[in-house]
Amino acid sequence: PNIKVTQVTWQKATNGSKQNIAIFHPSMGVSVLPPYQ
């Protein structure tokens, strides 16, 4: 219980790097990045 989750992020591995797809923040809400909106 002393460890808290602050954010969830989905990413796609592309050519050795990570590309954000969708993010969920308890206070900021849901954010989906192009081209997956």
All heavy atoms as atom14 arrays in JSON, in Angstrom:
{
  "sequence": "PNIKVTQVTWQKATNGSKQNIAIFHPSMGVSVLPPYQ",
  "atom14_mask": [
    [1, 1, 1, 1, 1, 1, 1, 0, 0, 0, 0, 0, 0, 0],
    [1, 1, 1, 1, 1, 1, 1, 1, 0, 0, 0, 0, 0, 0],
    [1, 1, 1, 1, 1, 1, 1, 1, 0, 0, 0, 0, 0, 0],
    [1, 1, 1, 1, 1, 1, 1, 1, 1, 0, 0, 0, 0, 0],
    [1, 1, 1, 1, 1, 1, 1, 0, 0, 0, 0, 0, 0, 0],
    [1, 1, 1, 1, 1, 1, 1, 0, 0, 0, 0, 0, 0, 0],
    [1, 1, 1, 1, 1, 1, 1, 1, 1, 0, 0, 0, 0, 0],
    [1, 1, 1, 1, 1, 1, 1, 0, 0, 0, 0, 0, 0, 0],
    [1, 1, 1, 1, 1, 1, 1, 0, 0, 0, 0, 0, 0, 0],
    [1, 1, 1, 1, 1, 1, 1, 1, 1, 1, 1, 1, 1, 1],
    [1, 1, 1, 1, 1, 1, 1, 1, 1, 0, 0, 0, 0, 0],
    [1, 1, 1, 1, 1, 1, 1, 1, 1, 0, 0, 0, 0, 0],
    [1, 1, 1, 1, 1, 0, 0, 0, 0, 0, 0, 0, 0, 0],
    [1, 1, 1, 1, 1, 1, 1, 0, 0, 0, 0, 0, 0, 0],
    [1, 1, 1, 1, 1, 1, 1, 1, 0, 0, 0, 0, 0, 0],
    [1, 1, 1, 1, 0, 0, 0, 0, 0, 0, 0, 0, 0, 0],
    [1, 1, 1, 1, 1, 1, 0, 0, 0, 0, 0, 0, 0, 0],
    [1, 1, 1, 1, 1, 1, 1, 1, 1, 0, 0, 0, 0, 0],
    [1, 1, 1, 1, 1, 1, 1, 1, 1, 0, 0, 0, 0, 0],
    [1, 1, 1, 1, 1, 1, 1, 1, 0, 0, 0, 0, 0, 0],
    [1, 1, 1, 1, 1, 1, 1, 1, 0, 0, 0, 0, 0, 0],
    [1, 1, 1, 1, 1, 0, 0, 0, 0, 0, 0, 0, 0, 0],
    [1, 1, 1, 1, 1, 1, 1, 1, 0, 0, 0, 0, 0, 0],
    [1, 1, 1, 1, 1, 1, 1, 1, 1, 1, 1, 0, 0, 0],
    [1, 1, 1, 1, 1, 1, 1, 1, 1, 1, 0, 0, 0, 0],
    [1, 1, 1, 1, 1, 1, 1, 0, 0, 0, 0, 0, 0, 0],
    [1, 1, 1, 1, 1, 1, 0, 0, 0, 0, 0, 0, 0, 0],
    [1, 1, 1, 1, 1, 1, 1, 1, 0, 0, 0, 0, 0, 0],
    [1, 1, 1, 1, 0, 0, 0, 0, 0, 0, 0, 0, 0, 0],
    [1, 1, 1, 1, 1, 1, 1, 0, 0, 0, 0, 0, 0, 0],
    [1, 1, 1, 1, 1, 1, 0, 0, 0, 0, 0, 0, 0, 0],
    [1, 1, 1, 1, 1, 1, 1, 0, 0, 0, 0, 0, 0, 0],
    [1, 1, 1, 1, 1, 1, 1, 1, 0, 0, 0, 0, 0, 0],
    [1, 1, 1, 1, 1, 1, 1, 0, 0, 0, 0, 0, 0, 0],
    [1, 1, 1, 1, 1, 1, 1, 0, 0, 0, 0, 0, 0, 0],
    [1, 1, 1, 1, 1, 1, 1, 1, 1, 1, 1, 1, 0, 0],
    [1, 1, 1, 1, 1, 1, 1, 1, 1, 0, 0, 0, 0, 0]
  ],
  "atom14_positions": [
    [[0.81, -1.24, 0.0], [0.0, 0.0, 0.0], [0.83, 1.27, 0.0], [0.31, 2.35, -0.29], [-0.82, -0.12, 1.3], [-0.03, -1.05, 2.17], [0.67, -2.0, 1.26], [0.0, 0.0, 0.0], [0.0, 0.0, 0.0], [0.0, 0.0, 0.0], [0.0, 0.0, 0.0], [0.0, 0.0, 0.0], [0.0, 0.0, 0.0], [0.0, 0.0, 0.0]],
    [[2.12, 1.2, 0.3], [2.97, 2.38, 0.3], [3.4, 2.8, -1.11], [3.98, 3.87, -1.29], [4.21, 2.14, 1.16], [3.86, 1.89, 2.62], [2.92, 2.53, 3.14], [4.59, 0.99, 3.26], [0.0, 0.0, 0.0], [0.0, 0.0, 0.0], [0.0, 0.0, 0.0], [0.0, 0.0, 0.0], [0.0, 0.0, 0.0], [0.0, 0.0, 0.0]],
    [[3.12, 1.92, -2.12], [3.5, 2.23, -3.5], [2.24, 2.68, -4.23], [1.22, 2.01, -4.21], [4.12, 1.0, -4.2], [5.41, 0.59, -3.47], [4.39, 1.3, -5.66], [6.04, -0.66, -4.03], [0.0, 0.0, 0.0], [0.0, 0.0, 0.0], [0.0, 0.0, 0.0], [0.0, 0.0, 0.0], [0.0, 0.0, 0.0], [0.0, 0.0, 0.0]],
    [[2.35, 3.82, -4.9], [1.22, 4.4, -5.58], [1.47, 4.45, -7.08], [2.58, 4.71, -7.53], [0.95, 5.81, -5.07], [0.54, 5.86, -3.6], [0.25, 7.29, -3.16], [-0.17, 7.32, -1.69], [-0.48, 8.71, -1.22], [0.0, 0.0, 0.0], [0.0, 0.0, 0.0], [0.0, 0.0, 0.0], [0.0, 0.0, 0.0], [0.0, 0.0, 0.0]],
    [[0.4, 4.17, -7.89], [0.47, 4.27, -9.34], [0.05, 5.68, -9.73], [-1.03, 6.15, -9.35], [-0.44, 3.23, -10.01], [-0.38, 3.37, -11.52], [-0.06, 1.81, -9.58], [0.0, 0.0, 0.0], [0.0, 0.0, 0.0], [0.0, 0.0, 0.0], [0.0, 0.0, 0.0], [0.0, 0.0, 0.0], [0.0, 0.0, 0.0], [0.0, 0.0, 0.0]],
    [[0.88, 6.32, -10.51], [0.6, 7.7, -10.89], [0.1, 7.84, -12.32], [-0.61, 8.81, -12.63], [1.88, 8.54, -10.72], [2.91, 8.01, -11.56], [2.35, 8.52, -9.26], [0.0, 0.0, 0.0], [0.0, 0.0, 0.0], [0.0, 0.0, 0.0], [0.0, 0.0, 0.0], [0.0, 0.0, 0.0], [0.0, 0.0, 0.0], [0.0, 0.0, 0.0]],
    [[0.42, 6.88, -13.23], [0.03, 7.03, -14.63], [0.18, 5.69, -15.36], [1.02, 4.86, -15.0], [0.91, 8.1, -15.31], [0.56, 8.37, -16.76], [1.38, 9.5, -17.33], [1.21, 10.68, -16.96], [2.28, 9.18, -18.25], [0.0, 0.0, 0.0], [0.0, 0.0, 0.0], [0.0, 0.0, 0.0], [0.0, 0.0, 0.0], [0.0, 0.0, 0.0]],
    [[-0.66, 5.5, -16.4], [-0.59, 4.33, -17.26], [-0.35, 4.79, -18.69], [-1.06, 5.69, -19.19], [-1.86, 3.47, -17.19], [-1.78, 2.28, -18.13], [-2.12, 3.01, -15.77], [0.0, 0.0, 0.0], [0.0, 0.0, 0.0], [0.0, 0.0, 0.0], [0.0, 0.0, 0.0], [0.0, 0.0, 0.0], [0.0, 0.0, 0.0], [0.0, 0.0, 0.0]],
    [[0.6, 4.11, -19.41], [0.94, 4.51, -20.77], [1.08, 3.27, -21.66], [1.74, 2.3, -21.28], [2.25, 5.31, -20.8], [2.16, 6.43, -19.91], [2.57, 5.79, -22.21], [0.0, 0.0, 0.0], [0.0, 0.0, 0.0], [0.0, 0.0, 0.0], [0.0, 0.0, 0.0], [0.0, 0.0, 0.0], [0.0, 0.0, 0.0], [0.0, 0.0, 0.0]],
    [[0.45, 3.32, -22.86], [0.64, 2.29, -23.9], [1.57, 2.88, -24.97], [1.41, 4.0, -25.42], [-0.67, 1.9, -24.56], [-1.43, 0.84, -23.82], [-2.43, 1.02, -22.92], [-1.22, -0.57, -23.93], [-2.88, -0.17, -22.44], [-2.16, -1.2, -23.06], [-0.37, -1.4, -24.65], [-2.24, -2.57, -22.9], [-0.46, -2.76, -24.5], [-1.39, -3.36, -23.64]],
    [[2.57, 2.03, -25.36], [3.55, 2.45, -26.36], [3.73, 1.34, -27.4], [3.43, 0.17, -27.14], [4.9, 2.75, -25.69], [4.85, 3.87, -24.66], [6.15, 3.99, -23.89], [6.78, 2.98, -23.55], [6.56, 5.23, -23.62], [0.0, 0.0, 0.0], [0.0, 0.0, 0.0], [0.0, 0.0, 0.0], [0.0, 0.0, 0.0], [0.0, 0.0, 0.0]],
    [[4.28, 1.72, -28.54], [4.61, 0.76, -29.6], [6.09, 0.9, -29.92], [6.58, 2.01, -30.15], [3.78, 1.0, -30.86], [4.07, -0.02, -31.98], [3.25, 0.26, -33.22], [3.56, -0.77, -34.3], [2.82, -0.51, -35.55], [0.0, 0.0, 0.0], [0.0, 0.0, 0.0], [0.0, 0.0, 0.0], [0.0, 0.0, 0.0], [0.0, 0.0, 0.0]],
    [[6.78, -0.28, -29.96], [8.21, -0.27, -30.27], [8.39, -0.14, -31.78], [7.89, -0.97, -32.55], [8.87, -1.54, -29.76], [0.0, 0.0, 0.0], [0.0, 0.0, 0.0], [0.0, 0.0, 0.0], [0.0, 0.0, 0.0], [0.0, 0.0, 0.0], [0.0, 0.0, 0.0], [0.0, 0.0, 0.0], [0.0, 0.0, 0.0], [0.0, 0.0, 0.0]],
    [[9.07, 0.92, -32.19], [9.27, 1.2, -33.61], [10.73, 1.52, -33.86], [11.23, 2.56, -33.37], [8.39, 2.36, -34.07], [7.03, 2.09, -33.74], [8.52, 2.59, -35.57], [0.0, 0.0, 0.0], [0.0, 0.0, 0.0], [0.0, 0.0, 0.0], [0.0, 0.0, 0.0], [0.0, 0.0, 0.0], [0.0, 0.0, 0.0], [0.0, 0.0, 0.0]],
    [[11.41, 0.63, -34.6], [12.81, 0.85, -34.98], [13.7, 1.17, -33.78], [14.53, 2.09, -33.78], [12.93, 1.97, -36.02], [12.19, 1.65, -37.29], [12.12, 0.49, -37.71], [11.61, 2.67, -37.93], [0.0, 0.0, 0.0], [0.0, 0.0, 0.0], [0.0, 0.0, 0.0], [0.0, 0.0, 0.0], [0.0, 0.0, 0.0], [0.0, 0.0, 0.0]],
    [[13.52, 0.43, -32.68], [14.36, 0.6, -31.5], [13.92, 1.71, -30.57], [14.53, 1.9, -29.51], [0.0, 0.0, 0.0], [0.0, 0.0, 0.0], [0.0, 0.0, 0.0], [0.0, 0.0, 0.0], [0.0, 0.0, 0.0], [0.0, 0.0, 0.0], [0.0, 0.0, 0.0], [0.0, 0.0, 0.0], [0.0, 0.0, 0.0], [0.0, 0.0, 0.0]],
    [[12.87, 2.45, -30.88], [12.36, 3.53, -30.02], [10.92, 3.22, -29.63], [10.31, 2.29, -30.15], [12.43, 4.88, -30.75], [11.62, 4.84, -31.91], [0.0, 0.0, 0.0], [0.0, 0.0, 0.0], [0.0, 0.0, 0.0], [0.0, 0.0, 0.0], [0.0, 0.0, 0.0], [0.0, 0.0, 0.0], [0.0, 0.0, 0.0], [0.0, 0.0, 0.0]],
    [[10.37, 4.03, -28.7], [9.02, 3.84, -28.22], [8.14, 5.01, -28.66], [8.52, 6.16, -28.47], [9.01, 3.71, -26.7], [9.76, 2.5, -26.17], [9.71, 2.45, -24.65], [10.46, 1.24, -24.1], [10.4, 1.18, -22.61], [0.0, 0.0, 0.0], [0.0, 0.0, 0.0], [0.0, 0.0, 0.0], [0.0, 0.0, 0.0], [0.0, 0.0, 0.0]],
    [[6.99, 4.68, -29.19], [6.02, 5.69, -29.64], [4.78, 5.6, -28.77], [4.16, 4.55, -28.67], [5.67, 5.47, -31.11], [4.59, 6.4, -31.62], [4.11, 6.02, -33.01], [4.6, 5.06, -33.6], [3.17, 6.79, -33.55], [0.0, 0.0, 0.0], [0.0, 0.0, 0.0], [0.0, 0.0, 0.0], [0.0, 0.0, 0.0], [0.0, 0.0, 0.0]],
    [[4.42, 6.72, -28.1], [3.24, 6.73, -27.25], [1.97, 6.61, -28.09], [1.82, 7.23, -29.15], [3.18, 8.02, -26.42], [4.23, 8.05, -25.34], [4.76, 7.02, -24.92], [4.59, 9.26, -24.87], [0.0, 0.0, 0.0], [0.0, 0.0, 0.0], [0.0, 0.0, 0.0], [0.0, 0.0, 0.0], [0.0, 0.0, 0.0], [0.0, 0.0, 0.0]],
    [[1.04, 5.79, -27.57], [-0.24, 5.58, -28.26], [-1.38, 6.17, -27.45], [-2.18, 6.96, -27.95], [-0.47, 4.07, -28.51], [0.58, 3.5, -29.45], [-1.87, 3.82, -29.07], [0.49, 2.01, -29.63], [0.0, 0.0, 0.0], [0.0, 0.0, 0.0], [0.0, 0.0, 0.0], [0.0, 0.0, 0.0], [0.0, 0.0, 0.0], [0.0, 0.0, 0.0]],
    [[-1.47, 5.74, -26.16], [-2.55, 6.2, -25.29], [-2.03, 6.34, -23.86], [-1.2, 5.53, -23.42], [-3.72, 5.24, -25.36], [0.0, 0.0, 0.0], [0.0, 0.0, 0.0], [0.0, 0.0, 0.0], [0.0, 0.0, 0.0], [0.0, 0.0, 0.0], [0.0, 0.0, 0.0], [0.0, 0.0, 0.0], [0.0, 0.0, 0.0], [0.0, 0.0, 0.0]],
    [[-2.56, 7.37, -23.14], [-2.13, 7.65, -21.76], [-3.37, 7.85, -20.9], [-4.33, 8.51, -21.32], [-1.23, 8.9, -21.71], [0.0, 8.74, -22.62], [-0.8, 9.2, -20.27], [0.82, 10.0, -22.77], [0.0, 0.0, 0.0], [0.0, 0.0, 0.0], [0.0, 0.0, 0.0], [0.0, 0.0, 0.0], [0.0, 0.0, 0.0], [0.0, 0.0, 0.0]],
    [[-3.28, 7.32, -19.65], [-4.34, 7.58, -18.68], [-3.71, 8.15, -17.41], [-2.8, 7.55, -16.83], [-5.11, 6.32, -18.34], [-6.06, 6.48, -17.2], [-7.23, 7.24, -17.34], [-5.77, 5.93, -15.95], [-8.09, 7.42, -16.28], [-6.64, 6.1, -14.89], [-7.79, 6.85, -15.05], [0.0, 0.0, 0.0], [0.0, 0.0, 0.0], [0.0, 0.0, 0.0]],
    [[-4.22, 9.32, -16.99], [-3.75, 9.99, -15.77], [-4.97, 10.21, -14.89], [-6.03, 10.62, -15.37], [-3.07, 11.32, -16.1], [-2.36, 11.92, -14.95], [-3.0, 12.73, -14.01], [-1.05, 11.85, -14.55], [-2.14, 13.12, -13.1], [-0.92, 12.6, -13.42], [0.0, 0.0, 0.0], [0.0, 0.0, 0.0], [0.0, 0.0, 0.0], [0.0, 0.0, 0.0]],
    [[-4.84, 9.91, -13.58], [-6.02, 10.03, -12.71], [-6.67, 11.41, -12.75], [-7.91, 11.51, -12.66], [-5.45, 9.73, -11.32], [-4.2, 8.97, -11.56], [-3.67, 9.44, -12.86], [0.0, 0.0, 0.0], [0.0, 0.0, 0.0], [0.0, 0.0, 0.0], [0.0, 0.0, 0.0], [0.0, 0.0, 0.0], [0.0, 0.0, 0.0], [0.0, 0.0, 0.0]],
    [[-5.9, 12.43, -12.89], [-6.47, 13.78, -12.89], [-6.58, 14.38, -14.29], [-7.48, 15.17, -14.58], [-5.62, 14.7, -12.01], [-4.27, 14.73, -12.48], [0.0, 0.0, 0.0], [0.0, 0.0, 0.0], [0.0, 0.0, 0.0], [0.0, 0.0, 0.0], [0.0, 0.0, 0.0], [0.0, 0.0, 0.0], [0.0, 0.0, 0.0], [0.0, 0.0, 0.0]],
    [[-5.72, 13.97, -15.21], [-5.71, 14.52, -16.57], [-6.64, 13.74, -17.52], [-6.99, 14.24, -18.58], [-4.29, 14.54, -17.12], [-3.31, 15.33, -16.26], [-3.7, 17.09, -16.21], [-3.43, 17.56, -17.9], [0.0, 0.0, 0.0], [0.0, 0.0, 0.0], [0.0, 0.0, 0.0], [0.0, 0.0, 0.0], [0.0, 0.0, 0.0], [0.0, 0.0, 0.0]],
    [[-6.98, 12.52, -17.15], [-7.88, 11.73, -17.97], [-7.16, 10.92, -19.04], [-5.98, 10.57, -18.92], [0.0, 0.0, 0.0], [0.0, 0.0, 0.0], [0.0, 0.0, 0.0], [0.0, 0.0, 0.0], [0.0, 0.0, 0.0], [0.0, 0.0, 0.0], [0.0, 0.0, 0.0], [0.0, 0.0, 0.0], [0.0, 0.0, 0.0], [0.0, 0.0, 0.0]],
    [[-7.86, 10.64, -20.14], [-7.36, 9.8, -21.24], [-6.88, 10.68, -22.37], [-7.54, 11.65, -22.75], [-8.43, 8.82, -21.74], [-7.92, 8.03, -22.94], [-8.85, 7.88, -20.63], [0.0, 0.0, 0.0], [0.0, 0.0, 0.0], [0.0, 0.0, 0.0], [0.0, 0.0, 0.0], [0.0, 0.0, 0.0], [0.0, 0.0, 0.0], [0.0, 0.0, 0.0]],
    [[-5.72, 10.27, -22.93], [-5.17, 10.97, -24.08], [-4.69, 9.94, -25.11], [-3.86, 9.09, -24.78], [-4.01, 11.88, -23.65], [-3.41, 12.48, -24.78], [0.0, 0.0, 0.0], [0.0, 0.0, 0.0], [0.0, 0.0, 0.0], [0.0, 0.0, 0.0], [0.0, 0.0, 0.0], [0.0, 0.0, 0.0], [0.0, 0.0, 0.0], [0.0, 0.0, 0.0]],
    [[-5.23, 10.01, -26.34], [-4.85, 9.1, -27.44], [-4.17, 9.93, -28.5], [-4.72, 10.92, -28.99], [-6.06, 8.36, -28.02], [-5.64, 7.44, -29.16], [-6.77, 7.57, -26.94], [0.0, 0.0, 0.0], [0.0, 0.0, 0.0], [0.0, 0.0, 0.0], [0.0, 0.0, 0.0], [0.0, 0.0, 0.0], [0.0, 0.0, 0.0], [0.0, 0.0, 0.0]],
    [[-2.97, 9.49, -28.89], [-2.16, 10.24, -29.83], [-2.42, 9.75, -31.26], [-2.86, 8.62, -31.48], [-0.68, 10.1, -29.49], [-0.15, 10.92, -28.28], [-0.7, 10.39, -26.98], [1.37, 10.92, -28.25], [0.0, 0.0, 0.0], [0.0, 0.0, 0.0], [0.0, 0.0, 0.0], [0.0, 0.0, 0.0], [0.0, 0.0, 0.0], [0.0, 0.0, 0.0]],
    [[-2.12, 10.67, -32.24], [-2.26, 10.26, -33.64], [-1.22, 9.18, -33.96], [-0.14, 9.17, -33.37], [-1.98, 11.54, -34.43], [-2.01, 12.64, -33.44], [-1.73, 12.07, -32.09], [0.0, 0.0, 0.0], [0.0, 0.0, 0.0], [0.0, 0.0, 0.0], [0.0, 0.0, 0.0], [0.0, 0.0, 0.0], [0.0, 0.0, 0.0], [0.0, 0.0, 0.0]],
    [[-1.53, 8.25, -34.88], [-2.76, 8.17, -35.71], [-3.79, 7.22, -35.13], [-4.51, 6.58, -35.89], [-2.22, 7.65, -37.03], [-1.08, 6.73, -36.61], [-0.5, 7.29, -35.35], [0.0, 0.0, 0.0], [0.0, 0.0, 0.0], [0.0, 0.0, 0.0], [0.0, 0.0, 0.0], [0.0, 0.0, 0.0], [0.0, 0.0, 0.0], [0.0, 0.0, 0.0]],
    [[-3.91, 7.13, -33.78], [-4.8, 6.16, -33.15], [-6.01, 6.81, -32.48], [-6.73, 6.14, -31.75], [-4.01, 5.35, -32.1], [-2.84, 4.56, -32.66], [-1.55, 5.1, -32.65], [-3.03, 3.29, -33.19], [-0.48, 4.37, -33.15], [-1.96, 2.57, -33.7], [-0.69, 3.11, -33.68], [0.37, 2.39, -34.18], [0.0, 0.0, 0.0], [0.0, 0.0, 0.0]],
    [[-6.23, 8.12, -32.71], [-7.29, 8.81, -31.97], [-8.65, 8.11, -32.08], [-9.38, 8.01, -31.09], [-7.45, 10.27, -32.45], [-6.3, 11.18, -32.11], [-5.29, 11.26, -33.24], [-5.24, 10.36, -34.1], [-4.51, 12.32, -33.28], [0.0, 0.0, 0.0], [0.0, 0.0, 0.0], [0.0, 0.0, 0.0], [0.0, 0.0, 0.0], [0.0, 0.0, 0.0]]
  ]
}
